Amino acid sequence: MAMLVFLDGFVDAGHTGRQMATTLFDRSTAEEVATFDVDRLLDYRSRRPTMTFVENTWTDYDAPKLALYRMWDEENSPFLVLHGPEPDCEWNTFTAAVEQLVERFGITLSVSVSGIPMAVPHTRPITVTPHATRSELVAGHTPWIGRIEVPASAASLLEYRLGLSGHDFIGYSIHVPSYLSQTQYPRAALAAVEYVSGATGLALSAGDLEESAESADVDIAEQVAASEEIQRVVANLERQYDDIMFSRESEGSADRNVLPLTDESSLPTADELGAELERFLAEREGDGNG
């Protein structure tokens, strides 16, 4: 049985993991099989839950929940989903508890999904940085980078700890255009569904993601067409992307492990243009057009 891991609170560019998790919960019946004590794991003052106030009284409290759920795919095959806010505290206790659940339910493969912002164009196929507890699990994927140190996450630590105890784990970091990282980018979530389905053999439905992706594509194209500056930035990203993909496909290339498109010297206004595009898409979403 496979376990999918979606922990909110760390990097998830384009809301990639969140969109996929939402699709799964919308399309499948979720049976709660284990819960975690969030009072021990969360820092409420850093991530305050929301409450609803109506006129003169509090009417609702959106209590955070971190739990393990059993779901069924389109062919009625069962799988598990670990979903909820990323723990702020007691990571060692949390990962040990999840390992116990992995062994108790006979989980043979765990898979996590998130989006990471990258200087890639939205006009090219989506790429991914896969990582795993065994190299055989990501065979066929050429690494984008060599060695790098990054801030830890609970999901990364879980992957590391499960690997030390001999359990298989694959993580998919979907590359999201940096100028779209703060808004929903359904194309990234669609790619996540495909990667997870391929790794687990599960028949996972994409739900409304394809329709949302097509609508977002139209919105993005309109904004790009309306600005020569954005067109220039996208064209530069396209050239860099194509050059690096060509280099990666060339045998013996010295650039095959280079992180793609990290040279921003030719993109002096990328951040500003990205913010403008994000605002545009956010406004469209707010109007019900996204």
Protein backbone atom coordinates (compact mmCIF):
# COMPACT_ATOMS: atom_id res chain seq x y z
CA MET A 1 0.00 0.00 0.00
CA ALA A 2 1.16 3.52 -0.78
CA MET A 3 1.06 6.58 1.48
CA LEU A 4 0.89 10.11 0.05
CA VAL A 5 2.28 12.93 2.20
CA PHE A 6 0.89 16.47 2.09
CA LEU A 7 2.08 18.73 4.91
CA ASP A 8 1.10 22.42 4.67
CA GLY A 9 3.35 25.17 5.93
CA PHE A 10 6.65 24.90 4.06
CA VAL A 11 7.49 25.69 0.42
CA ASP A 12 4.69 24.78 -1.99
CA ALA A 13 5.03 27.03 -5.03
CA GLY A 14 1.93 27.29 -7.15
CA HIS A 15 -0.01 25.59 -4.33
CA THR A 16 0.99 22.38 -6.07
CA GLY A 17 0.65 19.92 -3.21
CA ARG A 18 -2.37 21.72 -1.77
CA GLN A 19 -4.24 21.52 -5.08
CA MET A 20 -3.52 17.82 -5.47
CA ALA A 21 -4.58 17.09 -1.89
CA THR A 22 -7.80 19.08 -2.35
CA THR A 23 -8.56 17.11 -5.51
CA LEU A 24 -8.07 13.80 -3.71
CA PHE A 25 -10.36 14.77 -0.84
CA ASP A 26 -12.97 16.08 -3.28
CA ARG A 27 -12.92 12.92 -5.40
CA SER A 28 -12.59 10.17 -2.80
CA THR A 29 -14.20 9.18 0.47
CA ALA A 30 -11.67 9.73 3.26
CA GLU A 31 -11.71 7.41 6.27
CA GLU A 32 -9.74 8.74 9.23
CA VAL A 33 -7.47 6.00 10.61
CA ALA A 34 -5.07 7.93 12.88
CA THR A 35 -4.77 11.45 14.30
CA PHE A 36 -1.92 13.44 15.82
CA ASP A 37 -1.99 15.67 18.90
CA VAL A 38 -1.73 19.06 17.21
CA ASP A 39 -1.58 20.85 20.56
CA ARG A 40 1.88 19.33 21.02
CA LEU A 41 3.01 19.76 17.43
CA LEU A 42 1.85 23.25 16.39
CA ASP A 43 2.87 26.78 17.34
CA TYR A 44 -0.52 28.49 17.28
CA ARG A 45 0.93 31.98 17.55
CA SER A 46 3.02 31.58 14.40
CA ARG A 47 0.16 30.04 12.42
CA ARG A 48 -3.07 31.15 14.02
CA PRO A 49 -6.21 29.17 13.16
CA THR A 50 -9.19 31.17 11.98
CA MET A 51 -12.43 31.84 13.83
CA THR A 52 -15.71 33.25 12.56
CA PHE A 53 -17.39 36.19 14.28
CA VAL A 54 -20.99 37.12 13.44
CA GLU A 55 -22.44 40.36 14.84
CA ASN A 56 -21.86 39.73 18.54
CA THR A 57 -20.65 36.18 18.96
CA TRP A 58 -18.05 33.64 17.83
CA THR A 59 -19.78 31.08 15.62
CA ASP A 60 -17.02 28.78 14.41
CA TYR A 61 -13.43 27.67 14.99
CA ASP A 62 -11.42 26.11 12.18
CA ALA A 63 -9.43 23.68 14.32
CA PRO A 64 -6.22 22.41 12.69
CA LYS A 65 -6.01 18.66 12.13
CA LEU A 66 -3.11 16.41 11.21
CA ALA A 67 -4.28 12.92 10.41
CA LEU A 68 -3.80 9.78 8.35
CA TYR A 69 -6.67 8.91 6.03
CA ARG A 70 -7.57 5.86 3.98
CA MET A 71 -8.83 6.57 0.46
CA TRP A 72 -9.61 4.56 -2.66
CA ASP A 73 -8.53 5.32 -6.23
CA GLU A 74 -10.62 5.13 -9.41
CA GLU A 75 -10.14 1.34 -9.51
CA ASN A 76 -11.09 0.95 -5.83
CA SER A 77 -7.53 0.28 -4.70
CA PRO A 78 -6.82 1.59 -1.19
CA PHE A 79 -4.08 4.04 -0.29
CA LEU A 80 -3.26 6.30 2.65
CA VAL A 81 -2.90 10.08 2.84
CA LEU A 82 -0.99 11.90 5.58
CA HIS A 83 -2.44 15.40 5.52
CA GLY A 84 -2.43 18.51 7.66
CA PRO A 85 -0.20 21.33 8.88
CA GLU A 86 3.53 20.71 9.08
CA PRO A 87 4.51 20.23 12.74
CA ASP A 88 6.39 23.12 14.34
CA CYS A 89 7.60 21.06 17.30
CA GLU A 90 8.68 17.53 18.23
CA TRP A 91 9.83 16.48 14.76
CA ASN A 92 11.64 13.45 16.15
CA THR A 93 8.51 12.26 17.92
CA PHE A 94 6.40 12.95 14.83
CA THR A 95 8.64 11.06 12.41
CA ALA A 96 8.91 8.12 14.85
CA ALA A 97 5.12 7.98 15.09
CA VAL A 98 4.72 8.02 11.31
CA GLU A 99 7.29 5.22 11.01
CA GLN A 100 5.19 3.15 13.38
CA LEU A 101 2.16 3.76 11.18
CA VAL A 102 4.14 2.80 8.08
CA GLU A 103 5.01 -0.52 9.66
CA ARG A 104 1.56 -1.08 11.14
CA PHE A 105 -0.26 -0.58 7.83
CA GLY A 106 2.36 -2.31 5.70
CA ILE A 107 3.12 0.75 3.62
CA THR A 108 5.55 -0.18 0.85
CA LEU A 109 6.04 3.27 -0.68
CA SER A 110 5.56 6.81 0.63
CA VAL A 111 5.39 9.76 -1.78
CA SER A 112 5.46 13.49 -1.07
CA VAL A 113 4.64 16.34 -3.44
CA SER A 114 5.41 20.06 -3.36
CA GLY A 115 6.11 22.91 -5.73
CA ILE A 116 9.39 24.85 -5.74
CA PRO A 117 9.86 28.23 -7.47
CA MET A 118 12.26 28.10 -10.40
CA ALA A 119 13.30 30.45 -13.18
CA VAL A 120 11.48 28.40 -15.82
CA PRO A 121 8.91 29.56 -18.40
CA HIS A 122 5.28 28.54 -18.28
CA THR A 123 5.43 27.86 -22.04
CA ARG A 124 7.60 24.74 -21.69
CA PRO A 125 6.89 21.26 -20.28
CA ILE A 126 7.00 21.12 -16.50
CA THR A 127 10.15 19.65 -15.00
CA VAL A 128 10.74 18.08 -11.60
CA THR A 129 13.42 17.36 -9.05
CA PRO A 130 12.74 13.86 -7.73
CA HIS A 131 14.49 12.53 -4.64
CA ALA A 132 14.26 9.17 -2.93
CA THR A 133 15.62 6.88 -0.26
CA ARG A 134 17.05 4.57 -2.95
CA SER A 135 18.53 5.63 -6.28
CA GLU A 136 16.61 2.86 -8.02
CA LEU A 137 13.35 4.61 -7.19
CA VAL A 138 14.24 7.60 -9.38
CA ALA A 139 16.17 5.78 -12.08
CA GLY A 140 15.92 7.59 -15.41
CA HIS A 141 15.83 11.06 -13.84
CA THR A 142 18.97 13.12 -14.44
CA PRO A 143 19.77 15.20 -11.32
CA TRP A 144 19.39 18.96 -11.66
CA ILE A 145 21.93 19.73 -8.94
CA GLY A 146 24.90 18.27 -7.14
CA ARG A 147 25.26 19.14 -3.45
CA ILE A 148 23.24 21.85 -1.72
CA GLU A 149 22.19 22.72 1.83
CA VAL A 150 18.63 23.95 2.37
CA PRO A 151 16.35 24.58 5.36
CA ALA A 152 14.82 21.33 6.61
CA SER A 153 11.15 20.43 6.48
CA ALA A 154 9.21 17.80 8.38
CA ALA A 155 8.48 15.96 5.12
CA SER A 156 12.17 15.90 4.17
CA LEU A 157 13.14 14.66 7.62
CA LEU A 158 10.45 11.98 7.39
CA GLU A 159 11.86 10.86 4.04
CA TYR A 160 15.37 10.75 5.52
CA ARG A 161 14.36 8.85 8.66
CA LEU A 162 12.24 6.31 6.78
CA GLY A 163 15.16 5.72 4.44
CA LEU A 164 17.46 5.01 7.38
CA SER A 165 15.04 2.34 8.58
CA GLY A 166 14.80 0.70 5.16
CA HIS A 167 11.47 2.11 3.95
CA ASP A 168 10.98 3.41 0.40
CA PHE A 169 10.10 7.08 -0.05
CA ILE A 170 9.97 9.29 -3.16
CA GLY A 171 9.59 13.07 -3.12
CA TYR A 172 8.60 15.10 -6.17
CA SER A 173 9.54 18.79 -6.15
CA ILE A 174 7.65 20.23 -9.12
CA HIS A 175 9.33 23.21 -10.80
CA VAL A 176 6.93 26.18 -10.87
CA PRO A 177 7.70 29.42 -12.75
CA SER A 178 8.93 31.82 -10.08
CA TYR A 179 6.55 34.54 -11.28
CA LEU A 180 3.60 32.19 -10.61
CA SER A 181 4.78 30.75 -7.31
CA GLN A 182 2.37 32.71 -5.10
CA THR A 183 -0.80 31.86 -7.02
CA GLN A 184 -2.49 28.59 -7.89
CA TYR A 185 -0.83 26.99 -10.90
CA PRO A 186 -2.93 23.96 -11.91
CA ARG A 187 -0.40 22.76 -14.50
CA ALA A 188 2.01 21.94 -11.67
CA ALA A 189 -0.68 20.04 -9.76
CA LEU A 190 -1.53 18.07 -12.91
CA ALA A 191 2.11 17.11 -13.29
CA ALA A 192 2.16 16.05 -9.63
CA VAL A 193 -0.81 13.73 -10.17
CA GLU A 194 0.95 12.15 -13.14
CA TYR A 195 4.23 11.60 -11.28
CA VAL A 196 2.51 10.13 -8.24
CA SER A 197 0.33 7.87 -10.37
CA GLY A 198 3.37 6.64 -12.24
CA ALA A 199 5.31 5.91 -9.07
CA THR A 200 2.51 4.19 -7.16
CA GLY A 201 0.44 2.60 -9.91
CA LEU A 202 -2.66 4.25 -8.45
CA ALA A 203 -5.45 5.37 -10.76
CA LEU A 204 -5.73 8.92 -9.48
CA SER A 205 -8.25 11.32 -10.99
CA ALA A 206 -7.16 14.84 -11.85
CA GLY A 207 -10.67 16.08 -11.16
CA ASP A 208 -11.17 19.63 -12.41
CA LEU A 209 -7.44 20.36 -12.63
CA GLU A 210 -7.31 20.06 -16.43
CA GLU A 211 -10.13 22.56 -16.86
CA SER A 212 -8.54 24.89 -14.30
CA ALA A 213 -5.18 24.59 -16.06
CA GLU A 214 -6.68 25.53 -19.41
CA SER A 215 -8.38 28.56 -17.87
CA ALA A 216 -5.16 29.63 -16.15
CA ASP A 217 -3.25 29.23 -19.42
CA VAL A 218 -5.63 31.69 -21.08
CA ASP A 219 -5.26 34.19 -18.22
CA ILE A 220 -1.47 33.99 -18.32
CA ALA A 221 -1.38 34.35 -22.11
CA GLU A 222 -3.53 37.48 -21.89
CA GLN A 223 -1.24 39.09 -19.35
CA VAL A 224 1.90 38.20 -21.32
CA ALA A 225 0.40 39.55 -24.54
CA ALA A 226 -0.40 42.84 -22.83
CA SER A 227 3.18 43.57 -21.77
CA GLU A 228 6.30 43.72 -23.94
CA GLU A 229 8.44 43.54 -20.79
CA ILE A 230 6.84 40.27 -19.70
CA GLN A 231 7.20 38.91 -23.24
CA ARG A 232 10.92 39.70 -23.09
CA VAL A 233 11.35 37.96 -19.75
CA VAL A 234 9.46 34.86 -20.91
CA ALA A 235 11.48 34.76 -24.14
CA ASN A 236 14.72 34.89 -22.14
CA LEU A 237 13.53 32.09 -19.90
CA GLU A 238 12.56 30.03 -22.94
CA ARG A 239 16.04 30.42 -24.46
CA GLN A 240 17.74 29.46 -21.19
CA TYR A 241 15.40 26.50 -20.73
CA ASP A 242 15.99 25.23 -24.27
CA ASP A 243 19.77 25.64 -23.96
CA ILE A 244 19.89 23.69 -20.70
CA MET A 245 17.57 20.93 -21.92
CA PHE A 246 19.71 20.54 -25.03
CA SER A 247 22.81 20.40 -22.86
CA ARG A 248 21.26 17.77 -20.57
CA GLU A 249 20.35 15.62 -23.53
CA SER A 250 23.91 15.76 -24.90
CA GLU A 251 26.00 12.87 -23.68
CA GLY A 252 28.89 13.86 -21.46
CA SER A 253 27.62 17.39 -21.03
CA ALA A 254 29.45 19.35 -18.35
CA ASP A 255 26.18 21.12 -17.53
CA ARG A 256 24.00 18.08 -16.88
CA ASN A 257 23.91 18.70 -13.10
CA VAL A 258 23.50 22.47 -13.19
CA LEU A 259 20.41 23.87 -11.50
CA PRO A 260 18.34 25.24 -14.41
CA LEU A 261 18.05 28.91 -15.10
CA THR A 262 19.70 30.28 -11.99
CA ASP A 263 21.47 33.04 -13.93
CA GLU A 264 19.15 36.01 -13.57
CA SER A 265 21.56 38.59 -14.94
CA SER A 266 19.48 38.86 -18.09
CA LEU A 267 16.25 39.18 -16.10
CA PRO A 268 16.68 42.40 -14.10
CA THR A 269 12.96 42.99 -13.64
CA ALA A 270 11.75 39.40 -13.19
CA ASP A 271 10.61 39.91 -9.59
CA GLU A 272 8.59 43.00 -10.43
CA LEU A 273 7.02 41.40 -13.47
CA GLY A 274 6.31 38.26 -11.49
CA ALA A 275 4.51 40.27 -8.81
CA GLU A 276 2.46 42.02 -11.48
CA LEU A 277 1.46 38.72 -13.08
CA GLU A 278 0.63 37.17 -9.71
CA ARG A 279 -1.62 40.12 -8.84
CA PHE A 280 -3.38 39.79 -12.17
CA LEU A 281 -4.07 36.08 -11.69
CA ALA A 282 -5.13 36.57 -8.07
CA GLU A 283 -7.65 39.19 -9.18
CA ARG A 284 -9.01 36.82 -11.84
CA GLU A 285 -9.36 34.06 -9.24
CA GLY A 286 -11.20 36.47 -6.96
CA ASP A 287 -13.62 37.30 -9.75
CA GLY A 288 -14.30 33.59 -10.35
CA ASN A 289 -12.42 33.48 -13.66
CA GLY A 290 -9.34 31.58 -12.43
